[in-house]
Amino acid sequence: AKNTLYLQMTSLKPEDTGTYYCAARSGPLCAFSSRPSVYSYWGQG
């Protein structure tokens, strides 16, 4: 309803440090969409 994606992060570790991006890919292939290269749309981080 809000067109919002969330990532709840707990028990954070120093190795979690970085720039986090959300991304989107159209279509039914999410089960095979682990690679950044297959996503068409990206946020600024």
PDB file of all heavy atoms in Angstrom:
ATOM      1  N   ALA A   1       0.814  -1.204   0.000  1.00  0.00           N
ATOM      2  CA  ALA A   1       0.000   0.000   0.000  1.00  0.00           C
ATOM      3  C   ALA A   1       0.851   1.258   0.000  1.00  0.00           C
ATOM      4  O   ALA A   1       0.471   2.275  -0.579  1.00  0.00           O
ATOM      5  CB  ALA A   1      -0.942  -0.004   1.195  1.00  0.00           C
ATOM      6  N   LYS A   2       1.987   1.209   0.659  1.00  0.00           N
ATOM      7  CA  LYS A   2       2.890   2.355   0.746  1.00  0.00           C
ATOM      8  C   LYS A   2       3.994   2.321  -0.304  1.00  0.00           C
ATOM      9  O   LYS A   2       4.787   3.257  -0.377  1.00  0.00           O
ATOM     10  CB  LYS A   2       3.528   2.429   2.125  1.00  0.00           C
ATOM     11  CG  LYS A   2       2.552   2.684   3.255  1.00  0.00           C
ATOM     12  CD  LYS A   2       3.281   2.786   4.583  1.00  0.00           C
ATOM     13  CE  LYS A   2       2.333   3.087   5.717  1.00  0.00           C
ATOM     14  NZ  LYS A   2       3.042   3.192   7.017  1.00  0.00           N
ATOM     15  N   ASN A   3       4.028   1.255  -1.087  1.00  0.00           N
ATOM     16  CA  ASN A   3       5.108   1.079  -2.065  1.00  0.00           C
ATOM     17  C   ASN A   3       6.477   1.249  -1.407  1.00  0.00           C
ATOM     18  O   ASN A   3       7.335   1.987  -1.899  1.00  0.00           O
ATOM     19  CB  ASN A   3       4.951   2.053  -3.232  1.00  0.00           C
ATOM     20  CG  ASN A   3       3.839   1.657  -4.178  1.00  0.00           C
ATOM     21  OD1 ASN A   3       3.463   0.490  -4.264  1.00  0.00           O
ATOM     22  ND2 ASN A   3       3.310   2.631  -4.902  1.00  0.00           N
ATOM     23  N   THR A   4       6.661   0.551  -0.307  1.00  0.00           N
ATOM     24  CA  THR A   4       7.883   0.678   0.466  1.00  0.00           C
ATOM     25  C   THR A   4       8.472  -0.693   0.758  1.00  0.00           C
ATOM     26  O   THR A   4       7.749  -1.617   1.149  1.00  0.00           O
ATOM     27  CB  THR A   4       7.636   1.427   1.783  1.00  0.00           C
ATOM     28  OG1 THR A   4       7.084   2.718   1.502  1.00  0.00           O
ATOM     29  CG2 THR A   4       8.937   1.606   2.548  1.00  0.00           C
ATOM     30  N   LEU A   5       9.756  -0.802   0.580  1.00  0.00           N
ATOM     31  CA  LEU A   5      10.521  -1.993   0.900  1.00  0.00           C
ATOM     32  C   LEU A   5      11.331  -1.729   2.164  1.00  0.00           C
ATOM     33  O   LEU A   5      11.870  -0.633   2.335  1.00  0.00           O
ATOM     34  CB  LEU A   5      11.450  -2.342  -0.260  1.00  0.00           C
ATOM     35  CG  LEU A   5      12.364  -3.560  -0.098  1.00  0.00           C
ATOM     36  CD1 LEU A   5      11.553  -4.845  -0.169  1.00  0.00           C
ATOM     37  CD2 LEU A   5      13.456  -3.537  -1.164  1.00  0.00           C
ATOM     38  N   TYR A   6      11.424  -2.719   3.029  1.00  0.00           N
ATOM     39  CA  TYR A   6      12.138  -2.566   4.291  1.00  0.00           C
ATOM     40  C   TYR A   6      13.222  -3.623   4.447  1.00  0.00           C
ATOM     41  O   TYR A   6      13.120  -4.728   3.917  1.00  0.00           O
ATOM     42  CB  TYR A   6      11.184  -2.693   5.476  1.00  0.00           C
ATOM     43  CG  TYR A   6      10.069  -1.686   5.495  1.00  0.00           C
ATOM     44  CD1 TYR A   6       8.800  -2.027   5.046  1.00  0.00           C
ATOM     45  CD2 TYR A   6      10.283  -0.396   5.966  1.00  0.00           C
ATOM     46  CE1 TYR A   6       7.773  -1.107   5.070  1.00  0.00           C
ATOM     47  CE2 TYR A   6       9.257   0.531   5.984  1.00  0.00           C
ATOM     48  CZ  TYR A   6       8.003   0.168   5.538  1.00  0.00           C
ATOM     49  OH  TYR A   6       6.984   1.085   5.560  1.00  0.00           O
ATOM     50  N   LEU A   7      14.228  -3.262   5.199  1.00  0.00           N
ATOM     51  CA  LEU A   7      15.218  -4.219   5.655  1.00  0.00           C
ATOM     52  C   LEU A   7      15.460  -3.960   7.132  1.00  0.00           C
ATOM     53  O   LEU A   7      16.071  -2.955   7.501  1.00  0.00           O
ATOM     54  CB  LEU A   7      16.529  -4.094   4.875  1.00  0.00           C
ATOM     55  CG  LEU A   7      17.593  -5.145   5.217  1.00  0.00           C
ATOM     56  CD1 LEU A   7      17.137  -6.532   4.759  1.00  0.00           C
ATOM     57  CD2 LEU A   7      18.937  -4.797   4.592  1.00  0.00           C
ATOM     58  N   GLN A   8      14.950  -4.850   7.964  1.00  0.00           N
ATOM     59  CA  GLN A   8      15.168  -4.764   9.397  1.00  0.00           C
ATOM     60  C   GLN A   8      16.453  -5.504   9.731  1.00  0.00           C
ATOM     61  O   GLN A   8      16.559  -6.701   9.476  1.00  0.00           O
ATOM     62  CB  GLN A   8      13.994  -5.369  10.162  1.00  0.00           C
ATOM     63  CG  GLN A   8      14.149  -5.339  11.674  1.00  0.00           C
ATOM     64  CD  GLN A   8      14.150  -3.935  12.227  1.00  0.00           C
ATOM     65  OE1 GLN A   8      13.245  -3.163  11.941  1.00  0.00           O
ATOM     66  NE2 GLN A   8      15.160  -3.602  13.017  1.00  0.00           N
ATOM     67  N   MET A   9      17.409  -4.800  10.291  1.00  0.00           N
ATOM     68  CA  MET A   9      18.710  -5.357  10.592  1.00  0.00           C
ATOM     69  C   MET A   9      18.909  -5.358  12.099  1.00  0.00           C
ATOM     70  O   MET A   9      18.800  -4.317  12.738  1.00  0.00           O
ATOM     71  CB  MET A   9      19.817  -4.559   9.910  1.00  0.00           C
ATOM     72  CG  MET A   9      19.632  -4.405   8.409  1.00  0.00           C
ATOM     73  SD  MET A   9      21.032  -3.572   7.616  1.00  0.00           S
ATOM     74  CE  MET A   9      20.876  -1.944   8.349  1.00  0.00           C
ATOM     75  N   THR A  10      19.211  -6.521  12.643  1.00  0.00           N
ATOM     76  CA  THR A  10      19.485  -6.659  14.064  1.00  0.00           C
ATOM     77  C   THR A  10      20.814  -7.366  14.247  1.00  0.00           C
ATOM     78  O   THR A  10      21.368  -7.940  13.314  1.00  0.00           O
ATOM     79  CB  THR A  10      18.376  -7.448  14.773  1.00  0.00           C
ATOM     80  OG1 THR A  10      18.296  -8.770  14.229  1.00  0.00           O
ATOM     81  CG2 THR A  10      17.029  -6.763  14.612  1.00  0.00           C
ATOM     82  N   SER A  11      21.317  -7.323  15.469  1.00  0.00           N
ATOM     83  CA  SER A  11      22.601  -7.954  15.795  1.00  0.00           C
ATOM     84  C   SER A  11      23.680  -7.564  14.795  1.00  0.00           C
ATOM     85  O   SER A  11      24.424  -8.404  14.289  1.00  0.00           O
ATOM     86  CB  SER A  11      22.443  -9.478  15.852  1.00  0.00           C
ATOM     87  OG  SER A  11      21.495  -9.856  16.819  1.00  0.00           O
ATOM     88  N   LEU A  12      23.763  -6.292  14.523  1.00  0.00           N
ATOM     89  CA  LEU A  12      24.681  -5.803  13.503  1.00  0.00           C
ATOM     90  C   LEU A  12      26.135  -6.041  13.899  1.00  0.00           C
ATOM     91  O   LEU A  12      26.500  -5.955  15.073  1.00  0.00           O
ATOM     92  CB  LEU A  12      24.444  -4.321  13.245  1.00  0.00           C
ATOM     93  CG  LEU A  12      23.211  -4.023  12.387  1.00  0.00           C
ATOM     94  CD1 LEU A  12      22.791  -2.572  12.531  1.00  0.00           C
ATOM     95  CD2 LEU A  12      23.495  -4.366  10.926  1.00  0.00           C
ATOM     96  N   LYS A  13      26.934  -6.333  12.898  1.00  0.00           N
ATOM     97  CA  LYS A  13      28.350  -6.595  13.056  1.00  0.00           C
ATOM     98  C   LYS A  13      29.151  -5.581  12.253  1.00  0.00           C
ATOM     99  O   LYS A  13      28.652  -5.030  11.272  1.00  0.00           O
ATOM    100  CB  LYS A  13      28.690  -8.005  12.565  1.00  0.00           C
ATOM    101  CG  LYS A  13      27.878  -9.112  13.200  1.00  0.00           C
ATOM    102  CD  LYS A  13      28.195 -10.443  12.538  1.00  0.00           C
ATOM    103  CE  LYS A  13      27.380 -11.566  13.134  1.00  0.00           C
ATOM    104  NZ  LYS A  13      27.681 -12.865  12.471  1.00  0.00           N
ATOM    105  N   PRO A  14      30.407  -5.340  12.625  1.00  0.00           N
ATOM    106  CA  PRO A  14      31.235  -4.420  11.838  1.00  0.00           C
ATOM    107  C   PRO A  14      31.316  -4.808  10.363  1.00  0.00           C
ATOM    108  O   PRO A  14      31.403  -3.926   9.503  1.00  0.00           O
ATOM    109  CB  PRO A  14      32.605  -4.516  12.518  1.00  0.00           C
ATOM    110  CG  PRO A  14      32.273  -4.820  13.943  1.00  0.00           C
ATOM    111  CD  PRO A  14      31.089  -5.743  13.870  1.00  0.00           C
ATOM    112  N   GLU A  15      31.264  -6.084  10.056  1.00  0.00           N
ATOM    113  CA  GLU A  15      31.318  -6.536   8.671  1.00  0.00           C
ATOM    114  C   GLU A  15      30.074  -6.182   7.872  1.00  0.00           C
ATOM    115  O   GLU A  15      30.056  -6.343   6.652  1.00  0.00           O
ATOM    116  CB  GLU A  15      31.558  -8.048   8.618  1.00  0.00           C
ATOM    117  CG  GLU A  15      30.445  -8.879   9.240  1.00  0.00           C
ATOM    118  CD  GLU A  15      30.886 -10.280   9.607  1.00  0.00           C
ATOM    119  OE1 GLU A  15      31.595 -10.418  10.626  1.00  0.00           O
ATOM    120  OE2 GLU A  15      30.542 -11.228   8.867  1.00  0.00           O
ATOM    121  N   ASP A  16      29.027  -5.723   8.543  1.00  0.00           N
ATOM    122  CA  ASP A  16      27.825  -5.253   7.851  1.00  0.00           C
ATOM    123  C   ASP A  16      27.977  -3.830   7.332  1.00  0.00           C
ATOM    124  O   ASP A  16      27.088  -3.335   6.632  1.00  0.00           O
ATOM    125  CB  ASP A  16      26.612  -5.311   8.784  1.00  0.00           C
ATOM    126  CG  ASP A  16      26.256  -6.728   9.188  1.00  0.00           C
ATOM    127  OD1 ASP A  16      26.297  -7.627   8.327  1.00  0.00           O
ATOM    128  OD2 ASP A  16      25.926  -6.929  10.375  1.00  0.00           O
ATOM    129  N   THR A  17      29.061  -3.174   7.672  1.00  0.00           N
ATOM    130  CA  THR A  17      29.286  -1.798   7.247  1.00  0.00           C
ATOM    131  C   THR A  17      29.356  -1.697   5.723  1.00  0.00           C
ATOM    132  O   THR A  17      29.981  -2.523   5.062  1.00  0.00           O
ATOM    133  CB  THR A  17      30.582  -1.261   7.860  1.00  0.00           C
ATOM    134  OG1 THR A  17      30.423  -1.155   9.278  1.00  0.00           O
ATOM    135  CG2 THR A  17      30.936   0.112   7.304  1.00  0.00           C
ATOM    136  N   GLY A  18      28.716  -0.684   5.181  1.00  0.00           N
ATOM    137  CA  GLY A  18      28.761  -0.459   3.750  1.00  0.00           C
ATOM    138  C   GLY A  18      27.632   0.449   3.306  1.00  0.00           C
ATOM    139  O   GLY A  18      26.821   0.900   4.112  1.00  0.00           O
ATOM    140  N   THR A  19      27.599   0.704   2.020  1.00  0.00           N
ATOM    141  CA  THR A  19      26.495   1.436   1.429  1.00  0.00           C
ATOM    142  C   THR A  19      25.439   0.439   0.988  1.00  0.00           C
ATOM    143  O   THR A  19      25.737  -0.503   0.251  1.00  0.00           O
ATOM    144  CB  THR A  19      26.958   2.271   0.230  1.00  0.00           C
ATOM    145  OG1 THR A  19      27.987   3.170   0.647  1.00  0.00           O
ATOM    146  CG2 THR A  19      25.806   3.071  -0.347  1.00  0.00           C
ATOM    147  N   TYR A  20      24.228   0.640   1.446  1.00  0.00           N
ATOM    148  CA  TYR A  20      23.132  -0.271   1.141  1.00  0.00           C
ATOM    149  C   TYR A  20      22.243   0.321   0.057  1.00  0.00           C
ATOM    150  O   TYR A  20      21.851   1.487   0.126  1.00  0.00           O
ATOM    151  CB  TYR A  20      22.315  -0.553   2.395  1.00  0.00           C
ATOM    152  CG  TYR A  20      22.975  -1.549   3.318  1.00  0.00           C
ATOM    153  CD1 TYR A  20      24.140  -1.222   3.998  1.00  0.00           C
ATOM    154  CD2 TYR A  20      22.442  -2.826   3.498  1.00  0.00           C
ATOM    155  CE1 TYR A  20      24.762  -2.134   4.825  1.00  0.00           C
ATOM    156  CE2 TYR A  20      23.056  -3.741   4.332  1.00  0.00           C
ATOM    157  CZ  TYR A  20      24.215  -3.395   4.993  1.00  0.00           C
ATOM    158  OH  TYR A  20      24.826  -4.305   5.819  1.00  0.00           O
ATOM    159  N   TYR A  21      21.930  -0.501  -0.920  1.00  0.00           N
ATOM    160  CA  TYR A  21      21.119  -0.094  -2.054  1.00  0.00           C
ATOM    161  C   TYR A  21      19.887  -0.976  -2.163  1.00  0.00           C
ATOM    162  O   TYR A  21      19.961  -2.182  -1.940  1.00  0.00           O
ATOM    163  CB  TYR A  21      21.895  -0.225  -3.369  1.00  0.00           C
ATOM    164  CG  TYR A  21      23.166   0.576  -3.447  1.00  0.00           C
ATOM    165  CD1 TYR A  21      24.366   0.065  -2.980  1.00  0.00           C
ATOM    166  CD2 TYR A  21      23.167   1.845  -4.015  1.00  0.00           C
ATOM    167  CE1 TYR A  21      25.542   0.787  -3.066  1.00  0.00           C
ATOM    168  CE2 TYR A  21      24.335   2.577  -4.110  1.00  0.00           C
ATOM    169  CZ  TYR A  21      25.523   2.043  -3.635  1.00  0.00           C
ATOM    170  OH  TYR A  21      26.688   2.767  -3.732  1.00  0.00           O
ATOM    171  N   CYS A  22      18.773  -0.391  -2.524  1.00  0.00           N
ATOM    172  CA  CYS A  22      17.637  -1.199  -2.932  1.00  0.00           C
ATOM    173  C   CYS A  22      17.587  -1.223  -4.451  1.00  0.00           C
ATOM    174  O   CYS A  22      18.055  -0.297  -5.124  1.00  0.00           O
ATOM    175  CB  CYS A  22      16.317  -0.704  -2.340  1.00  0.00           C
ATOM    176  SG  CYS A  22      15.856   0.992  -2.750  1.00  0.00           S
ATOM    177  N   ALA A  23      17.042  -2.295  -4.986  1.00  0.00           N
ATOM    178  CA  ALA A  23      17.010  -2.490  -6.424  1.00  0.00           C
ATOM    179  C   ALA A  23      15.749  -3.232  -6.811  1.00  0.00           C
ATOM    180  O   ALA A  23      15.136  -3.917  -5.995  1.00  0.00           O
ATOM    181  CB  ALA A  23      18.253  -3.264  -6.881  1.00  0.00           C
ATOM    182  N   ALA A  24      15.377  -3.113  -8.071  1.00  0.00           N
ATOM    183  CA  ALA A  24      14.170  -3.750  -8.569  1.00  0.00           C
ATOM    184  C   ALA A  24      14.402  -4.351  -9.939  1.00  0.00           C
ATOM    185  O   ALA A  24      15.132  -3.793 -10.760  1.00  0.00           O
ATOM    186  CB  ALA A  24      13.015  -2.755  -8.623  1.00  0.00           C
ATOM    187  N   ARG A  25      13.756  -5.487 -10.156  1.00  0.00           N
ATOM    188  CA  ARG A  25      13.772  -6.156 -11.444  1.00  0.00           C
ATOM    189  C   ARG A  25      12.363  -6.585 -11.785  1.00  0.00           C
ATOM    190  O   ARG A  25      11.688  -7.216 -10.967  1.00  0.00           O
ATOM    191  CB  ARG A  25      14.692  -7.383 -11.407  1.00  0.00           C
ATOM    192  CG  ARG A  25      14.721  -8.147 -12.718  1.00  0.00           C
ATOM    193  CD  ARG A  25      15.425  -9.484 -12.592  1.00  0.00           C
ATOM    194  NE  ARG A  25      15.537 -10.140 -13.899  1.00  0.00           N
ATOM    195  CZ  ARG A  25      16.052 -11.336 -14.101  1.00  0.00           C
ATOM    196  NH1 ARG A  25      16.532 -12.031 -13.078  1.00  0.00           N
ATOM    197  NH2 ARG A  25      16.109 -11.831 -15.330  1.00  0.00           N
ATOM    198  N   SER A  26      11.918  -6.281 -12.969  1.00  0.00           N
ATOM    199  CA  SER A  26      10.592  -6.665 -13.413  1.00  0.00           C
ATOM    200  C   SER A  26      10.582  -8.120 -13.860  1.00  0.00           C
ATOM    201  O   SER A  26      11.546  -8.602 -14.456  1.00  0.00           O
ATOM    202  CB  SER A  26      10.140  -5.765 -14.569  1.00  0.00           C
ATOM    203  OG  SER A  26       8.874  -6.140 -15.050  1.00  0.00           O
ATOM    204  N   GLY A  27       9.498  -8.810 -13.558  1.00  0.00           N
ATOM    205  CA  GLY A  27       9.341 -10.159 -14.045  1.00  0.00           C
ATOM    206  C   GLY A  27       9.265 -11.207 -12.955  1.00  0.00           C
ATOM    207  O   GLY A  27       9.344 -10.908 -11.764  1.00  0.00           O
ATOM    208  N   PRO A  28       9.149 -12.466 -13.378  1.00  0.00           N
ATOM    209  CA  PRO A  28       8.905 -13.579 -12.454  1.00  0.00           C
ATOM    210  C   PRO A  28      10.132 -14.381 -12.055  1.00  0.00           C
ATOM    211  O   PRO A  28       9.989 -15.504 -11.563  1.00  0.00           O
ATOM    212  CB  PRO A  28       7.938 -14.451 -13.259  1.00  0.00           C
ATOM    213  CG  PRO A  28       8.461 -14.310 -14.664  1.00  0.00           C
ATOM    214  CD  PRO A  28       8.956 -12.882 -14.779  1.00  0.00           C
ATOM    215  N   LEU A  29      11.321 -13.834 -12.243  1.00  0.00           N
ATOM    216  CA  LEU A  29      12.541 -14.613 -12.064  1.00  0.00           C
ATOM    217  C   LEU A  29      13.274 -14.319 -10.769  1.00  0.00           C
ATOM    218  O   LEU A  29      14.502 -14.443 -10.699  1.00  0.00           O
ATOM    219  CB  LEU A  29      13.473 -14.388 -13.252  1.00  0.00           C
ATOM    220  CG  LEU A  29      12.906 -14.762 -14.624  1.00  0.00           C
ATOM    221  CD1 LEU A  29      13.900 -14.418 -15.717  1.00  0.00           C
ATOM    222  CD2 LEU A  29      12.543 -16.233 -14.661  1.00  0.00           C
ATOM    223  N   CYS A  30      12.569 -13.963  -9.731  1.00  0.00           N
ATOM    224  CA  CYS A  30      13.222 -13.579  -8.486  1.00  0.00           C
ATOM    225  C   CYS A  30      14.037 -14.720  -7.879  1.00  0.00           C
ATOM    226  O   CYS A  30      15.060 -14.480  -7.241  1.00  0.00           O
ATOM    227  CB  CYS A  30      12.188 -13.084  -7.473  1.00  0.00           C
ATOM    228  SG  CYS A  30      12.851 -11.932  -6.249  1.00  0.00           S
ATOM    229  N   ALA A  31      13.599 -15.947  -8.087  1.00  0.00           N
ATOM    230  CA  ALA A  31      14.322 -17.086  -7.532  1.00  0.00           C
ATOM    231  C   ALA A  31      15.729 -17.198  -8.104  1.00  0.00           C
ATOM    232  O   ALA A  31      16.598 -17.831  -7.501  1.00  0.00           O
ATOM    233  CB  ALA A  31      13.555 -18.378  -7.783  1.00  0.00           C
ATOM    234  N   PHE A  32      15.950 -16.573  -9.253  1.00  0.00           N
ATOM    235  CA  PHE A  32      17.241 -16.641  -9.923  1.00  0.00           C
ATOM    236  C   PHE A  32      17.874 -15.259 -10.047  1.00  0.00           C
ATOM    237  O   PHE A  32      18.630 -15.000 -10.993  1.00  0.00           O
ATOM    238  CB  PHE A  32      17.077 -17.281 -11.304  1.00  0.00           C
ATOM    239  CG  PHE A  32      16.346 -18.591 -11.268  1.00  0.00           C
ATOM    240  CD1 PHE A  32      14.993 -18.654 -11.557  1.00  0.00           C
ATOM    241  CD2 PHE A  32      17.002 -19.752 -10.926  1.00  0.00           C
ATOM    242  CE1 PHE A  32      14.310 -19.856 -11.516  1.00  0.00           C
ATOM    243  CE2 PHE A  32      16.341 -20.961 -10.882  1.00  0.00           C
ATOM    244  CZ  PHE A  32      14.991 -21.015 -11.175  1.00  0.00           C
ATOM    245  N   SER A  33      17.600 -14.384  -9.107  1.00  0.00           N
ATOM    246  CA  SER A  33      18.017 -12.986  -9.201  1.00  0.00           C
ATOM    247  C   SER A  33      18.891 -12.576  -8.027  1.00  0.00           C
ATOM    248  O   SER A  33      18.623 -11.585  -7.336  1.00  0.00           O
ATOM    249  CB  SER A  33      16.786 -12.082  -9.299  1.00  0.00           C
ATOM    250  OG  SER A  33      16.007 -12.395 -10.438  1.00  0.00           O
ATOM    251  N   SER A  34      19.951 -13.297  -7.805  1.00  0.00           N
ATOM    252  CA  SER A  34      20.871 -12.985  -6.726  1.00  0.00           C
ATOM    253  C   SER A  34      21.981 -12.021  -7.140  1.00  0.00           C
ATOM    254  O   SER A  34      22.637 -11.435  -6.279  1.00  0.00           O
ATOM    255  CB  SER A  34      21.505 -14.264  -6.171  1.00  0.00           C
ATOM    256  OG  SER A  34      22.267 -14.928  -7.169  1.00  0.00           O
ATOM    257  N   ARG A  35      22.184 -11.846  -8.422  1.00  0.00           N
ATOM    258  CA  ARG A  35      23.284 -11.040  -8.926  1.00  0.00           C
ATOM    259  C   ARG A  35      22.847  -9.595  -9.176  1.00  0.00           C
ATOM    260  O   ARG A  35      21.770  -9.350  -9.714  1.00  0.00           O
ATOM    261  CB  ARG A  35      23.836 -11.617 -10.234  1.00  0.00           C
ATOM    262  CG  ARG A  35      24.259 -13.079 -10.133  1.00  0.00           C
ATOM    263  CD  ARG A  35      24.778 -13.586 -11.471  1.00  0.00           C
ATOM    264  NE  ARG A  35      23.834 -13.374 -12.550  1.00  0.00           N
ATOM    265  CZ  ARG A  35      22.763 -14.131 -12.795  1.00  0.00           C
ATOM    266  NH1 ARG A  35      22.510 -15.168 -11.999  1.00  0.00           N
ATOM    267  NH2 ARG A  35      21.964 -13.856 -13.808  1.00  0.00           N
ATOM    268  N   PRO A  36      23.692  -8.622  -8.827  1.00  0.00           N
ATOM    269  CA  PRO A  36      23.345  -7.220  -9.087  1.00  0.00           C
ATOM    270  C   PRO A  36      23.088  -6.909 -10.551  1.00  0.00           C
ATOM    271  O   PRO A  36      22.263  -6.050 -10.861  1.00  0.00           O
ATOM    272  CB  PRO A  36      24.576  -6.456  -8.577  1.00  0.00           C
ATOM    273  CG  PRO A  36      25.204  -7.368  -7.573  1.00  0.00           C
ATOM    274  CD  PRO A  36      24.964  -8.753  -8.090  1.00  0.00           C
ATOM    275  N   SER A  37      23.748  -7.619 -11.453  1.00  0.00           N
ATOM    276  CA  SER A  37      23.682  -7.295 -12.866  1.00  0.00           C
ATOM    277  C   SER A  37      22.308  -7.497 -13.484  1.00  0.00           C
ATOM    278  O   SER A  37      22.030  -6.944 -14.548  1.00  0.00           O
ATOM    279  CB  SER A  37      24.714  -8.114 -13.653  1.00  0.00           C
ATOM    280  OG  SER A  37      24.473  -9.501 -13.520  1.00  0.00           O
ATOM    281  N   VAL A  38      21.434  -8.263 -12.851  1.00  0.00           N
ATOM    282  CA  VAL A  38      20.127  -8.532 -13.434  1.00  0.00           C
ATOM    283  C   VAL A  38      19.070  -7.519 -13.004  1.00  0.00           C
ATOM    284  O   VAL A  38      17.941  -7.579 -13.491  1.00  0.00           O
ATOM    285  CB  VAL A  38      19.637  -9.956 -13.108  1.00  0.00           C
ATOM    286  CG1 VAL A  38      20.668 -10.990 -13.555  1.00  0.00           C
ATOM    287  CG2 VAL A  38      19.329 -10.118 -11.625  1.00  0.00           C
ATOM    288  N   TYR A  39      19.403  -6.592 -12.150  1.00  0.00           N
ATOM    289  CA  TYR A  39      18.455  -5.580 -11.691  1.00  0.00           C
ATOM    290  C   TYR A  39      18.552  -4.321 -12.545  1.00  0.00           C
ATOM    291  O   TYR A  39      19.652  -3.836 -12.819  1.00  0.00           O
ATOM    292  CB  TYR A  39      18.687  -5.245 -10.221  1.00  0.00           C
ATOM    293  CG  TYR A  39      18.286  -6.374  -9.310  1.00  0.00           C
ATOM    294  CD1 TYR A  39      19.118  -7.465  -9.110  1.00  0.00           C
ATOM    295  CD2 TYR A  39      17.054  -6.358  -8.664  1.00  0.00           C
ATOM    296  CE1 TYR A  39      18.733  -8.519  -8.290  1.00  0.00           C
ATOM    297  CE2 TYR A  39      16.670  -7.400  -7.844  1.00  0.00           C
ATOM    298  CZ  TYR A  39      17.513  -8.477  -7.660  1.00  0.00           C
ATOM    299  OH  TYR A  39      17.132  -9.518  -6.840  1.00  0.00           O
ATOM    300  N   SER A  40      17.417  -3.800 -12.920  1.00  0.00           N
ATOM    301  CA  SER A  40      17.361  -2.665 -13.827  1.00  0.00           C
ATOM    302  C   SER A  40      17.301  -1.320 -13.116  1.00  0.00           C
ATOM    303  O   SER A  40      17.751  -0.312 -13.663  1.00  0.00           O
ATOM    304  CB  SER A  40      16.145  -2.785 -14.751  1.00  0.00           C
ATOM    305  OG  SER A  40      16.205  -3.964 -15.537  1.00  0.00           O
ATOM    306  N   TYR A  41      16.741  -1.293 -11.923  1.00  0.00           N
ATOM    307  CA  TYR A  41      16.496  -0.039 -11.219  1.00  0.00           C
ATOM    308  C   TYR A  41      17.198  -0.054  -9.876  1.00  0.00           C
ATOM    309  O   TYR A  41      17.136  -1.042  -9.142  1.00  0.00           O
ATOM    310  CB  TYR A  41      14.995   0.177 -11.026  1.00  0.00           C
ATOM    311  CG  TYR A  41      14.211   0.053 -12.310  1.00  0.00           C
ATOM    312  CD1 TYR A  41      13.523  -1.113 -12.610  1.00  0.00           C
ATOM    313  CD2 TYR A  41      14.171   1.094 -13.225  1.00  0.00           C
ATOM    314  CE1 TYR A  41      12.809  -1.238 -13.790  1.00  0.00           C
ATOM    315  CE2 TYR A  41      13.462   0.975 -14.401  1.00  0.00           C
ATOM    316  CZ  TYR A  41      12.777  -0.192 -14.682  1.00  0.00           C
ATOM    317  OH  TYR A  41      12.072  -0.317 -15.854  1.00  0.00           O
ATOM    318  N   TRP A  42      17.822   1.076  -9.543  1.00  0.00           N
ATOM    319  CA  TRP A  42      18.616   1.189  -8.323  1.00  0.00           C
ATOM    320  C   TRP A  42      18.359   2.504  -7.614  1.00  0.00           C
ATOM    321  O   TRP A  42      18.128   3.537  -8.255  1.00  0.00           O
ATOM    322  CB  TRP A  42      20.110   1.090  -8.643  1.00  0.00           C
ATOM    323  CG  TRP A  42      20.521  -0.258  -9.117  1.00  0.00           C
ATOM    324  CD1 TRP A  42      20.473  -0.740 -10.390  1.00  0.00           C
ATOM    325  CD2 TRP A  42      21.047  -1.315  -8.307  1.00  0.00           C
ATOM    326  NE1 TRP A  42      20.936  -2.038 -10.422  1.00  0.00           N
ATOM    327  CE2 TRP A  42      21.297  -2.413  -9.164  1.00  0.00           C
ATOM    328  CE3 TRP A  42      21.336  -1.434  -6.948  1.00  0.00           C
ATOM    329  CZ2 TRP A  42      21.818  -3.618  -8.696  1.00  0.00           C
ATOM    330  CZ3 TRP A  42      21.854  -2.626  -6.479  1.00  0.00           C
ATOM    331  CH2 TRP A  42      22.091  -3.700  -7.354  1.00  0.00           C
ATOM    332  N   GLY A  43      18.424   2.452  -6.285  1.00  0.00           N
ATOM    333  CA  GLY A  43      18.397   3.657  -5.498  1.00  0.00           C
ATOM    334  C   GLY A  43      19.775   4.263  -5.390  1.00  0.00           C
ATOM    335  O   GLY A  43      20.762   3.741  -5.928  1.00  0.00           O
ATOM    336  N   GLN A  44      19.861   5.376  -4.682  1.00  0.00           N
ATOM    337  CA  GLN A  44      21.122   6.106  -4.567  1.00  0.00           C
ATOM    338  C   GLN A  44      22.020   5.572  -3.457  1.00  0.00           C
ATOM    339  O   GLN A  44      23.204   5.911  -3.407  1.00  0.00           O
ATOM    340  CB  GLN A  44      20.844   7.596  -4.332  1.00  0.00           C
ATOM    341  CG  GLN A  44      20.563   7.990  -2.888  1.00  0.00           C
ATOM    342  CD  GLN A  44      19.232   7.488  -2.361  1.00  0.00           C
ATOM    343  OE1 GLN A  44      18.358   7.086  -3.117  1.00  0.00           O
ATOM    344  NE2 GLN A  44      19.083   7.524  -1.041  1.00  0.00           N
ATOM    345  N   GLY A  45      21.482   4.767  -2.579  1.00  0.00           N
ATOM    346  CA  GLY A  45      22.253   4.186  -1.502  1.00  0.00           C
ATOM    347  C   GLY A  45      22.129   4.943  -0.199  1.00  0.00           C
ATOM    348  O   GLY A  45      21.906   6.152  -0.176  1.00  0.00           O
TER     349      GLY A  45
END
